[in-house]
Amino acid sequence: MNNEITLYTTTMCPVCNMVREFLTNMNADYKEVNVDLNPLAMIKLIAKTRKLSVPQINVRDEWIFGFDPVRMIEVLNTKAN
């Protein structure tokens, strides 16, 4: 998989852990941005997506919100081609 995946998380988010584990099991390289530790990233994320929740996953400008394994597989497979 490609490393053009960014996962936005918070420290105490159980759903973020599910997404992290899913991406790891898919052997997907990803960059994680913890918005608890990076307030500027949080402000930019909210401005871009207009969503206050995490996890948010960006795969080469395609956004996925929450834990949606079917959509993640679809986007990862489409974007890999």
C-alpha atoms as a PDB file:
ATOM      1  CA  MET A   1       0.000   0.000   0.000  1.00  0.00           C
ATOM      2  CA  ASN A   2       0.934   3.597  -0.411  1.00  0.00           C
ATOM      3  CA  ASN A   3       1.944   6.001   2.371  1.00  0.00           C
ATOM      4  CA  GLU A   4      -0.433   8.694   1.137  1.00  0.00           C
ATOM      5  CA  ILE A   5      -2.835   7.860   3.955  1.00  0.00           C
ATOM      6  CA  THR A   6      -3.249  10.212   6.885  1.00  0.00           C
ATOM      7  CA  LEU A   7      -5.173   9.114   9.965  1.00  0.00           C
ATOM      8  CA  TYR A   8      -6.354  11.864  12.306  1.00  0.00           C
ATOM      9  CA  THR A   9      -6.878  10.652  15.872  1.00  0.00           C
ATOM     10  CA  THR A  10      -7.118  11.650  19.510  1.00  0.00           C
ATOM     11  CA  THR A  11      -5.460   9.989  22.472  1.00  0.00           C
ATOM     12  CA  MET A  12      -8.528   8.445  24.126  1.00  0.00           C
ATOM     13  CA  CYS A  13     -10.487   7.455  21.000  1.00  0.00           C
ATOM     14  CA  PRO A  14     -11.403   3.742  20.913  1.00  0.00           C
ATOM     15  CA  VAL A  15     -12.657   3.989  17.326  1.00  0.00           C
ATOM     16  CA  CYS A  16      -9.296   5.478  16.311  1.00  0.00           C
ATOM     17  CA  ASN A  17      -7.673   2.339  17.704  1.00  0.00           C
ATOM     18  CA  MET A  18      -9.980   0.217  15.542  1.00  0.00           C
ATOM     19  CA  VAL A  19      -8.989   2.154  12.408  1.00  0.00           C
ATOM     20  CA  ARG A  20      -5.297   1.999  13.329  1.00  0.00           C
ATOM     21  CA  GLU A  21      -5.525  -1.779  13.796  1.00  0.00           C
ATOM     22  CA  PHE A  22      -7.477  -2.182  10.545  1.00  0.00           C
ATOM     23  CA  LEU A  23      -4.911  -0.208   8.523  1.00  0.00           C
ATOM     24  CA  THR A  24      -2.068  -2.146  10.144  1.00  0.00           C
ATOM     25  CA  ASN A  25      -3.763  -5.466   9.308  1.00  0.00           C
ATOM     26  CA  MET A  26      -4.181  -4.259   5.705  1.00  0.00           C
ATOM     27  CA  ASN A  27      -0.412  -3.555   5.607  1.00  0.00           C
ATOM     28  CA  ALA A  28      -1.227   0.054   4.760  1.00  0.00           C
ATOM     29  CA  ASP A  29       1.493   2.615   5.381  1.00  0.00           C
ATOM     30  CA  TYR A  30      -0.051   5.644   7.016  1.00  0.00           C
ATOM     31  CA  LYS A  31       0.850   8.802   8.840  1.00  0.00           C
ATOM     32  CA  GLU A  32      -0.963   9.412  12.118  1.00  0.00           C
ATOM     33  CA  VAL A  33      -1.745  12.910  13.330  1.00  0.00           C
ATOM     34  CA  ASN A  34      -2.934  13.104  16.924  1.00  0.00           C
ATOM     35  CA  VAL A  35      -4.954  16.320  17.073  1.00  0.00           C
ATOM     36  CA  ASP A  36      -4.831  16.309  20.899  1.00  0.00           C
ATOM     37  CA  LEU A  37      -1.108  16.872  20.621  1.00  0.00           C
ATOM     38  CA  ASN A  38      -1.268  19.197  17.621  1.00  0.00           C
ATOM     39  CA  PRO A  39      -3.933  21.919  18.014  1.00  0.00           C
ATOM     40  CA  LEU A  40      -2.951  23.590  14.741  1.00  0.00           C
ATOM     41  CA  ALA A  41      -3.601  20.327  12.879  1.00  0.00           C
ATOM     42  CA  MET A  42      -6.989  20.128  14.607  1.00  0.00           C
ATOM     43  CA  ILE A  43      -7.928  23.640  13.463  1.00  0.00           C
ATOM     44  CA  LYS A  44      -6.844  22.870   9.890  1.00  0.00           C
ATOM     45  CA  LEU A  45      -8.728  19.565   9.906  1.00  0.00           C
ATOM     46  CA  ILE A  46     -11.961  21.160  11.104  1.00  0.00           C
ATOM     47  CA  ALA A  47     -11.608  23.961   8.538  1.00  0.00           C
ATOM     48  CA  LYS A  48     -11.079  21.413   5.750  1.00  0.00           C
ATOM     49  CA  THR A  49     -13.748  18.820   6.632  1.00  0.00           C
ATOM     50  CA  ARG A  50     -16.191  20.789   8.796  1.00  0.00           C
ATOM     51  CA  LYS A  51     -16.271  17.783  11.139  1.00  0.00           C
ATOM     52  CA  LEU A  52     -15.366  17.836  14.830  1.00  0.00           C
ATOM     53  CA  SER A  53     -15.066  14.082  15.275  1.00  0.00           C
ATOM     54  CA  VAL A  54     -12.287  11.555  14.823  1.00  0.00           C
ATOM     55  CA  PRO A  55     -11.144   9.322  13.330  1.00  0.00           C
ATOM     56  CA  GLN A  56     -10.868  10.957   9.959  1.00  0.00           C
ATOM     57  CA  ILE A  57      -8.851   9.261   7.247  1.00  0.00           C
ATOM     58  CA  ASN A  58      -7.538  10.964   4.129  1.00  0.00           C
ATOM     59  CA  VAL A  59      -6.440   8.786   1.222  1.00  0.00           C
ATOM     60  CA  ARG A  60      -5.043  11.075  -1.481  1.00  0.00           C
ATOM     61  CA  ASP A  61      -7.782  13.698  -0.982  1.00  0.00           C
ATOM     62  CA  GLU A  62     -10.588  11.175  -0.403  1.00  0.00           C
ATOM     63  CA  TRP A  63     -12.050  11.528   3.104  1.00  0.00           C
ATOM     64  CA  ILE A  64     -13.443   8.685   5.199  1.00  0.00           C
ATOM     65  CA  PHE A  65     -15.079   9.471   8.535  1.00  0.00           C
ATOM     66  CA  GLY A  66     -15.247   7.040  11.435  1.00  0.00           C
ATOM     67  CA  PHE A  67     -14.630   3.312  11.172  1.00  0.00           C
ATOM     68  CA  ASP A  68     -15.947   2.238   7.781  1.00  0.00           C
ATOM     69  CA  PRO A  69     -13.942  -0.821   6.718  1.00  0.00           C
ATOM     70  CA  VAL A  70     -15.928  -1.397   3.521  1.00  0.00           C
ATOM     71  CA  ARG A  71     -15.329   2.174   2.367  1.00  0.00           C
ATOM     72  CA  MET A  72     -11.665   2.037   3.394  1.00  0.00           C
ATOM     73  CA  ILE A  73     -11.079  -1.123   1.337  1.00  0.00           C
ATOM     74  CA  GLU A  74     -12.935   0.445  -1.590  1.00  0.00           C
ATOM     75  CA  VAL A  75     -10.912   3.657  -1.496  1.00  0.00           C
ATOM     76  CA  LEU A  76      -7.590   1.905  -0.867  1.00  0.00           C
ATOM     77  CA  ASN A  77      -8.172  -0.464  -3.790  1.00  0.00           C
ATOM     78  CA  THR A  78      -9.399   2.301  -6.124  1.00  0.00           C
ATOM     79  CA  LYS A  79      -6.580   4.664  -5.229  1.00  0.00           C
ATOM     80  CA  ALA A  80      -3.940   1.935  -5.602  1.00  0.00           C
ATOM     81  CA  ASN A  81      -4.744   1.475  -9.297  1.00  0.00           C
END
